[in-house]
């Protein structure tokens, strides 16, 4: 009886610790940045109320535009050249959000998210109109 109870407690404790570790790991957002900050990885989503899926993208800053490359079906809408409009003030202090517009269609807007401590922030701030 005691042995079964200890097995039950250890199993439940194992799953609780595993779930807590997953929650802790998902708080960190992985990002790659070149030394000069003009090439980096980020996340993008559509600028709409019901958009909740963030897509991993690779960004290259080319003079005054962003060249965005993404893989997969969800990232297809973000491929191409984008202009940086402005950065948004959010309550999230760990991430910085920029509103970008598509070069071909000005009505097509998206949100680019990068960590607030990234070295690409200076290059993106230089592009803000």
N, C-alpha and C. Protein backbone atom coordinates (compact mmCIF):
# COMPACT_ATOMS: atom_id res chain seq x y z
N UNK A 1 0.83 -1.19 0.00
CA UNK A 1 0.00 0.00 0.00
C UNK A 1 0.87 1.26 0.00
N UNK A 2 1.86 1.30 0.88
CA UNK A 2 2.73 2.46 0.95
C UNK A 2 3.56 2.59 -0.31
N UNK A 3 3.98 1.46 -0.85
CA UNK A 3 4.77 1.46 -2.06
C UNK A 3 3.98 2.02 -3.25
N UNK A 4 2.70 1.64 -3.35
CA UNK A 4 1.84 2.16 -4.42
C UNK A 4 1.61 3.65 -4.27
N UNK A 5 1.45 4.09 -3.04
CA UNK A 5 1.24 5.52 -2.78
C UNK A 5 2.48 6.33 -3.15
N UNK A 6 3.66 5.84 -2.83
CA UNK A 6 4.90 6.52 -3.19
C UNK A 6 5.11 6.55 -4.71
N UNK A 7 4.72 5.47 -5.39
CA UNK A 7 4.80 5.46 -6.85
C UNK A 7 3.86 6.50 -7.46
N UNK A 8 2.67 6.62 -6.92
CA UNK A 8 1.71 7.60 -7.41
C UNK A 8 2.22 9.03 -7.19
N UNK A 9 2.77 9.30 -6.02
CA UNK A 9 3.30 10.63 -5.72
C UNK A 9 4.49 10.95 -6.63
N UNK A 10 5.37 10.00 -6.84
CA UNK A 10 6.54 10.26 -7.68
C UNK A 10 6.13 10.46 -9.15
N UNK A 11 5.12 9.76 -9.62
CA UNK A 11 4.64 9.94 -10.99
C UNK A 11 4.01 11.32 -11.16
N UNK A 12 3.18 11.71 -10.23
CA UNK A 12 2.54 13.03 -10.30
C UNK A 12 3.60 14.12 -10.21
N UNK A 13 4.56 13.97 -9.32
CA UNK A 13 5.63 14.95 -9.16
C UNK A 13 6.47 15.05 -10.44
N UNK A 14 6.72 13.91 -11.09
CA UNK A 14 7.47 13.91 -12.34
C UNK A 14 6.76 14.75 -13.40
N UNK A 15 5.45 14.57 -13.56
CA UNK A 15 4.70 15.33 -14.56
C UNK A 15 4.59 16.81 -14.20
N UNK A 16 4.46 17.12 -12.93
CA UNK A 16 4.39 18.52 -12.51
C UNK A 16 5.71 19.23 -12.79
N UNK A 17 6.82 18.60 -12.47
CA UNK A 17 8.13 19.20 -12.73
C UNK A 17 8.37 19.33 -14.23
N UNK A 18 7.99 18.32 -15.01
CA UNK A 18 8.14 18.39 -16.47
C UNK A 18 7.31 19.51 -17.07
N UNK A 19 6.08 19.67 -16.62
CA UNK A 19 5.23 20.75 -17.11
C UNK A 19 5.80 22.12 -16.72
N UNK A 20 6.31 22.24 -15.50
CA UNK A 20 6.90 23.51 -15.07
C UNK A 20 8.14 23.84 -15.89
N UNK A 21 8.96 22.85 -16.21
CA UNK A 21 10.14 23.09 -17.04
C UNK A 21 9.75 23.52 -18.46
N UNK A 22 8.73 22.91 -19.02
CA UNK A 22 8.26 23.32 -20.35
C UNK A 22 7.76 24.75 -20.35
N UNK A 23 7.02 25.13 -19.33
CA UNK A 23 6.54 26.51 -19.23
C UNK A 23 7.70 27.49 -19.11
N UNK A 24 8.71 27.13 -18.34
CA UNK A 24 9.87 27.99 -18.14
C UNK A 24 10.68 28.12 -19.42
N UNK A 25 10.88 27.03 -20.15
CA UNK A 25 11.65 27.06 -21.40
C UNK A 25 10.93 27.87 -22.47
N UNK A 26 9.62 27.80 -22.54
CA UNK A 26 8.86 28.52 -23.57
C UNK A 26 8.83 30.03 -23.34
N UNK A 27 9.28 30.49 -22.20
CA UNK A 27 9.35 31.93 -21.97
C UNK A 27 10.46 32.57 -22.79
N UNK A 28 11.48 31.82 -23.13
CA UNK A 28 12.62 32.35 -23.87
C UNK A 28 12.36 32.25 -25.36
N UNK A 29 12.67 33.32 -26.06
CA UNK A 29 12.48 33.34 -27.51
C UNK A 29 13.84 33.25 -28.19
N UNK A 30 14.08 32.17 -28.92
CA UNK A 30 15.39 32.04 -29.57
C UNK A 30 15.53 33.03 -30.71
N UNK A 31 16.72 33.58 -30.86
CA UNK A 31 16.96 34.52 -31.94
C UNK A 31 18.42 34.47 -32.34
N UNK A 32 18.65 34.58 -33.63
CA UNK A 32 19.99 34.69 -34.18
C UNK A 32 20.14 36.08 -34.75
N UNK A 33 21.30 36.73 -34.51
CA UNK A 33 21.57 38.07 -35.03
C UNK A 33 23.00 38.11 -35.52
N UNK A 34 23.20 38.74 -36.69
CA UNK A 34 24.56 38.93 -37.18
C UNK A 34 25.24 40.00 -36.34
N UNK A 35 26.55 40.12 -36.47
CA UNK A 35 27.29 41.08 -35.64
C UNK A 35 26.86 42.52 -35.88
N UNK A 36 26.58 42.87 -37.14
CA UNK A 36 26.18 44.25 -37.44
C UNK A 36 24.69 44.50 -37.23
N UNK A 37 23.90 43.47 -36.97
CA UNK A 37 22.48 43.63 -36.68
C UNK A 37 21.60 43.78 -37.91
N UNK A 38 22.13 43.55 -39.10
CA UNK A 38 21.33 43.71 -40.31
C UNK A 38 20.71 42.41 -40.80
N UNK A 39 21.08 41.29 -40.23
CA UNK A 39 20.47 40.01 -40.54
C UNK A 39 20.11 39.34 -39.22
N UNK A 40 18.87 38.88 -39.12
CA UNK A 40 18.43 38.29 -37.86
C UNK A 40 17.20 37.43 -38.08
N UNK A 41 16.87 36.65 -37.09
CA UNK A 41 15.63 35.88 -37.09
C UNK A 41 14.65 36.58 -36.16
N UNK A 42 13.38 36.46 -36.49
CA UNK A 42 12.34 37.12 -35.70
C UNK A 42 11.04 36.33 -35.86
N UNK A 43 9.98 36.86 -35.33
CA UNK A 43 8.66 36.27 -35.49
C UNK A 43 7.71 37.33 -36.02
N UNK A 44 6.78 36.89 -36.87
CA UNK A 44 5.81 37.80 -37.47
C UNK A 44 4.41 37.22 -37.36
N UNK A 45 3.44 38.12 -37.34
CA UNK A 45 2.03 37.75 -37.39
C UNK A 45 1.28 38.83 -38.15
N UNK A 46 0.10 38.49 -38.61
CA UNK A 46 -0.72 39.48 -39.30
C UNK A 46 -1.20 40.53 -38.30
N UNK A 47 -1.38 41.75 -38.77
CA UNK A 47 -1.86 42.83 -37.92
C UNK A 47 -3.38 42.85 -37.96
N UNK A 48 -3.98 41.93 -37.24
CA UNK A 48 -5.43 41.86 -37.15
C UNK A 48 -5.82 41.39 -35.75
N UNK A 49 -7.08 41.54 -35.43
CA UNK A 49 -7.54 41.21 -34.08
C UNK A 49 -7.48 39.71 -33.82
N UNK A 50 -7.80 38.91 -34.83
CA UNK A 50 -7.88 37.47 -34.61
C UNK A 50 -6.59 36.72 -34.94
N UNK A 51 -5.51 37.43 -35.24
CA UNK A 51 -4.23 36.77 -35.55
C UNK A 51 -3.54 36.34 -34.26
N UNK A 52 -3.26 35.05 -34.17
CA UNK A 52 -2.61 34.55 -32.96
C UNK A 52 -1.39 33.70 -33.27
N UNK A 53 -1.20 33.32 -34.50
CA UNK A 53 -0.07 32.46 -34.88
C UNK A 53 1.14 33.30 -35.23
N UNK A 54 2.23 33.08 -34.53
CA UNK A 54 3.50 33.74 -34.83
C UNK A 54 4.32 32.82 -35.71
N UNK A 55 4.90 33.36 -36.76
CA UNK A 55 5.67 32.60 -37.74
C UNK A 55 7.14 33.00 -37.63
N UNK A 56 8.03 32.02 -37.61
CA UNK A 56 9.47 32.30 -37.59
C UNK A 56 9.90 32.76 -38.97
N UNK A 57 10.60 33.89 -39.04
CA UNK A 57 11.07 34.45 -40.30
C UNK A 57 12.54 34.82 -40.17
N UNK A 58 13.20 34.92 -41.33
CA UNK A 58 14.56 35.44 -41.39
C UNK A 58 14.51 36.79 -42.09
N UNK A 59 15.17 37.78 -41.51
CA UNK A 59 15.08 39.15 -41.98
C UNK A 59 16.47 39.65 -42.37
N UNK A 60 16.53 40.35 -43.50
CA UNK A 60 17.74 41.03 -43.94
C UNK A 60 17.38 42.49 -44.17
N UNK A 61 18.14 43.41 -43.59
CA UNK A 61 17.89 44.83 -43.80
C UNK A 61 18.68 45.27 -45.01
N UNK A 62 17.96 45.76 -46.04
CA UNK A 62 18.56 46.21 -47.29
C UNK A 62 18.26 47.70 -47.44
N UNK A 63 19.20 48.53 -47.11
CA UNK A 63 19.10 50.00 -47.11
C UNK A 63 17.88 50.46 -46.31
N UNK A 64 16.72 50.62 -46.91
CA UNK A 64 15.56 51.14 -46.19
C UNK A 64 14.41 50.15 -46.11
N UNK A 65 14.64 48.90 -46.47
CA UNK A 65 13.58 47.90 -46.45
C UNK A 65 14.04 46.62 -45.76
N UNK A 66 13.06 45.82 -45.41
CA UNK A 66 13.32 44.51 -44.84
C UNK A 66 13.02 43.45 -45.89
N UNK A 67 13.96 42.55 -46.12
CA UNK A 67 13.72 41.42 -46.99
C UNK A 67 13.43 40.24 -46.08
N UNK A 68 12.21 39.70 -46.19
CA UNK A 68 11.78 38.66 -45.27
C UNK A 68 11.66 37.34 -46.01
N UNK A 69 12.23 36.32 -45.40
CA UNK A 69 12.14 34.95 -45.91
C UNK A 69 11.53 34.09 -44.83
N UNK A 70 10.60 33.24 -45.23
CA UNK A 70 9.95 32.35 -44.29
C UNK A 70 9.72 31.01 -44.97
N UNK A 71 9.72 29.97 -44.18
CA UNK A 71 9.46 28.64 -44.70
C UNK A 71 8.06 28.19 -44.32
N UNK A 72 7.53 27.29 -45.08
CA UNK A 72 6.24 26.71 -44.75
C UNK A 72 5.07 27.46 -45.33
N UNK A 73 3.91 26.87 -45.18
CA UNK A 73 2.68 27.44 -45.73
C UNK A 73 2.26 28.71 -44.99
N UNK A 74 2.43 28.74 -43.68
CA UNK A 74 2.04 29.93 -42.93
C UNK A 74 2.94 31.12 -43.22
N UNK A 75 4.19 30.87 -43.55
CA UNK A 75 5.12 31.95 -43.80
C UNK A 75 5.07 32.51 -45.21
N UNK A 76 4.30 31.89 -46.08
CA UNK A 76 4.24 32.33 -47.48
C UNK A 76 3.73 33.76 -47.61
N UNK A 77 2.81 34.17 -46.76
CA UNK A 77 2.24 35.51 -46.84
C UNK A 77 3.24 36.59 -46.45
N UNK A 78 4.30 36.23 -45.74
CA UNK A 78 5.26 37.22 -45.26
C UNK A 78 6.50 37.37 -46.14
N UNK A 79 6.65 36.54 -47.14
CA UNK A 79 7.83 36.61 -48.00
C UNK A 79 7.80 37.88 -48.84
N UNK A 80 8.97 38.51 -48.99
CA UNK A 80 9.07 39.69 -49.83
C UNK A 80 9.71 40.86 -49.12
N UNK A 81 9.45 42.04 -49.68
CA UNK A 81 10.02 43.28 -49.14
C UNK A 81 8.97 44.02 -48.32
N UNK A 82 9.41 44.49 -47.15
CA UNK A 82 8.51 45.18 -46.22
C UNK A 82 9.17 46.48 -45.77
N UNK A 83 8.35 47.47 -45.47
CA UNK A 83 8.81 48.75 -44.93
C UNK A 83 8.45 48.83 -43.46
N UNK A 84 9.35 49.35 -42.66
CA UNK A 84 9.10 49.50 -41.22
C UNK A 84 8.31 50.79 -41.00
N UNK A 85 7.16 50.68 -40.37
CA UNK A 85 6.34 51.85 -40.10
C UNK A 85 6.70 52.50 -38.78
N UNK A 86 6.47 51.80 -37.70
CA UNK A 86 6.73 52.33 -36.36
C UNK A 86 6.81 51.16 -35.39
N UNK A 87 7.30 51.42 -34.18
CA UNK A 87 7.28 50.39 -33.16
C UNK A 87 6.18 50.70 -32.17
N UNK A 88 5.60 49.68 -31.62
CA UNK A 88 4.45 49.86 -30.74
C UNK A 88 4.89 49.80 -29.29
N UNK A 89 4.22 50.56 -28.47
CA UNK A 89 4.44 50.53 -27.03
C UNK A 89 3.54 49.45 -26.45
N UNK A 90 4.13 48.40 -25.92
CA UNK A 90 3.36 47.32 -25.32
C UNK A 90 3.79 47.14 -23.88
N UNK A 91 3.02 46.36 -23.16
CA UNK A 91 3.36 46.07 -21.77
C UNK A 91 4.46 45.02 -21.66
N UNK A 92 4.75 44.35 -22.76
CA UNK A 92 5.77 43.31 -22.78
C UNK A 92 7.15 43.97 -22.84
N UNK A 93 7.87 43.94 -21.74
CA UNK A 93 9.18 44.58 -21.67
C UNK A 93 10.29 43.72 -22.26
N UNK A 94 10.04 42.44 -22.49
CA UNK A 94 11.07 41.55 -23.01
C UNK A 94 11.11 41.51 -24.53
N UNK A 95 10.07 42.02 -25.19
CA UNK A 95 10.01 41.98 -26.65
C UNK A 95 9.67 43.36 -27.20
N UNK A 96 10.11 43.59 -28.42
CA UNK A 96 9.82 44.85 -29.10
C UNK A 96 9.03 44.53 -30.35
N UNK A 97 7.93 45.24 -30.59
CA UNK A 97 7.05 44.99 -31.71
C UNK A 97 7.12 46.15 -32.70
N UNK A 98 7.29 45.81 -33.98
CA UNK A 98 7.33 46.80 -35.05
C UNK A 98 6.20 46.51 -36.03
N UNK A 99 5.50 47.54 -36.45
CA UNK A 99 4.47 47.39 -37.47
C UNK A 99 5.13 47.62 -38.81
N UNK A 100 4.99 46.64 -39.71
CA UNK A 100 5.61 46.71 -41.04
C UNK A 100 4.52 46.61 -42.09
N UNK A 101 4.76 47.26 -43.24
CA UNK A 101 3.81 47.23 -44.35
C UNK A 101 4.48 46.62 -45.57
N UNK A 102 3.70 45.91 -46.35
CA UNK A 102 4.20 45.26 -47.54
C UNK A 102 4.51 46.31 -48.60
N UNK A 103 5.60 46.12 -49.33
CA UNK A 103 6.00 47.07 -50.36
C UNK A 103 4.98 47.13 -51.50
N UNK A 104 4.41 45.99 -51.86
CA UNK A 104 3.49 45.94 -52.98
C UNK A 104 2.07 46.35 -52.62
N UNK A 105 1.66 46.10 -51.39
CA UNK A 105 0.29 46.39 -50.96
C UNK A 105 0.35 47.11 -49.61
N UNK A 106 0.11 48.41 -49.61
CA UNK A 106 0.21 49.21 -48.37
C UNK A 106 -0.82 48.81 -47.33
N UNK A 107 -1.91 48.18 -47.74
CA UNK A 107 -2.93 47.76 -46.79
C UNK A 107 -2.56 46.46 -46.07
N UNK A 108 -1.56 45.76 -46.57
CA UNK A 108 -1.08 44.53 -45.97
C UNK A 108 -0.08 44.87 -44.88
N UNK A 109 -0.52 44.77 -43.62
CA UNK A 109 0.34 45.10 -42.48
C UNK A 109 0.57 43.87 -41.64
N UNK A 110 1.72 43.85 -40.98
CA UNK A 110 2.07 42.75 -40.08
C UNK A 110 2.85 43.31 -38.90
N UNK A 111 3.05 42.47 -37.91
CA UNK A 111 3.80 42.85 -36.72
C UNK A 111 5.04 41.98 -36.65
N UNK A 112 6.18 42.62 -36.52
CA UNK A 112 7.48 41.95 -36.39
C UNK A 112 7.89 42.01 -34.93
N UNK A 113 8.23 40.86 -34.34
CA UNK A 113 8.58 40.80 -32.93
C UNK A 113 10.01 40.34 -32.76
N UNK A 114 10.79 41.11 -32.00
CA UNK A 114 12.18 40.76 -31.70
C UNK A 114 12.41 40.96 -30.20
N UNK A 115 13.37 40.26 -29.61
CA UNK A 115 13.69 40.49 -28.20
C UNK A 115 14.19 41.91 -27.96
N UNK A 116 13.84 42.50 -26.85
CA UNK A 116 14.17 43.90 -26.55
C UNK A 116 15.66 44.12 -26.36
N UNK A 117 16.41 43.08 -26.07
CA UNK A 117 17.84 43.23 -25.85
C UNK A 117 18.67 42.89 -27.08
N UNK A 118 18.03 42.69 -28.21
CA UNK A 118 18.73 42.27 -29.42
C UNK A 118 19.55 43.41 -30.02
N UNK A 119 20.63 43.05 -30.72
CA UNK A 119 21.46 44.07 -31.37
C UNK A 119 20.84 44.60 -32.65
N UNK A 120 19.78 43.97 -33.14
CA UNK A 120 19.11 44.45 -34.35
C UNK A 120 18.18 45.63 -34.06
N UNK A 121 17.94 45.94 -32.81
CA UNK A 121 17.03 47.05 -32.44
C UNK A 121 17.54 48.37 -33.00
N UNK A 122 18.83 48.61 -32.93
CA UNK A 122 19.38 49.88 -33.44
C UNK A 122 19.18 50.00 -34.94
N UNK A 123 19.36 48.91 -35.68
CA UNK A 123 19.15 48.95 -37.13
C UNK A 123 17.67 49.13 -37.48
N UNK A 124 16.78 48.52 -36.71
CA UNK A 124 15.34 48.69 -36.96
C UNK A 124 14.88 50.09 -36.59
N UNK A 125 15.40 50.63 -35.49
CA UNK A 125 15.02 51.99 -35.10
C UNK A 125 15.48 53.01 -36.14
N UNK A 126 16.57 52.74 -36.81
CA UNK A 126 17.05 53.66 -37.86
C UNK A 126 16.11 53.66 -39.06
N UNK A 127 15.35 52.59 -39.26
CA UNK A 127 14.41 52.50 -40.39
C UNK A 127 13.05 53.09 -40.09
N UNK A 128 12.74 53.32 -38.83
CA UNK A 128 11.42 53.84 -38.46
C UNK A 128 11.26 55.23 -39.07
N UNK A 129 10.15 55.42 -39.78
CA UNK A 129 9.91 56.71 -40.47
C UNK A 129 9.55 57.79 -39.47
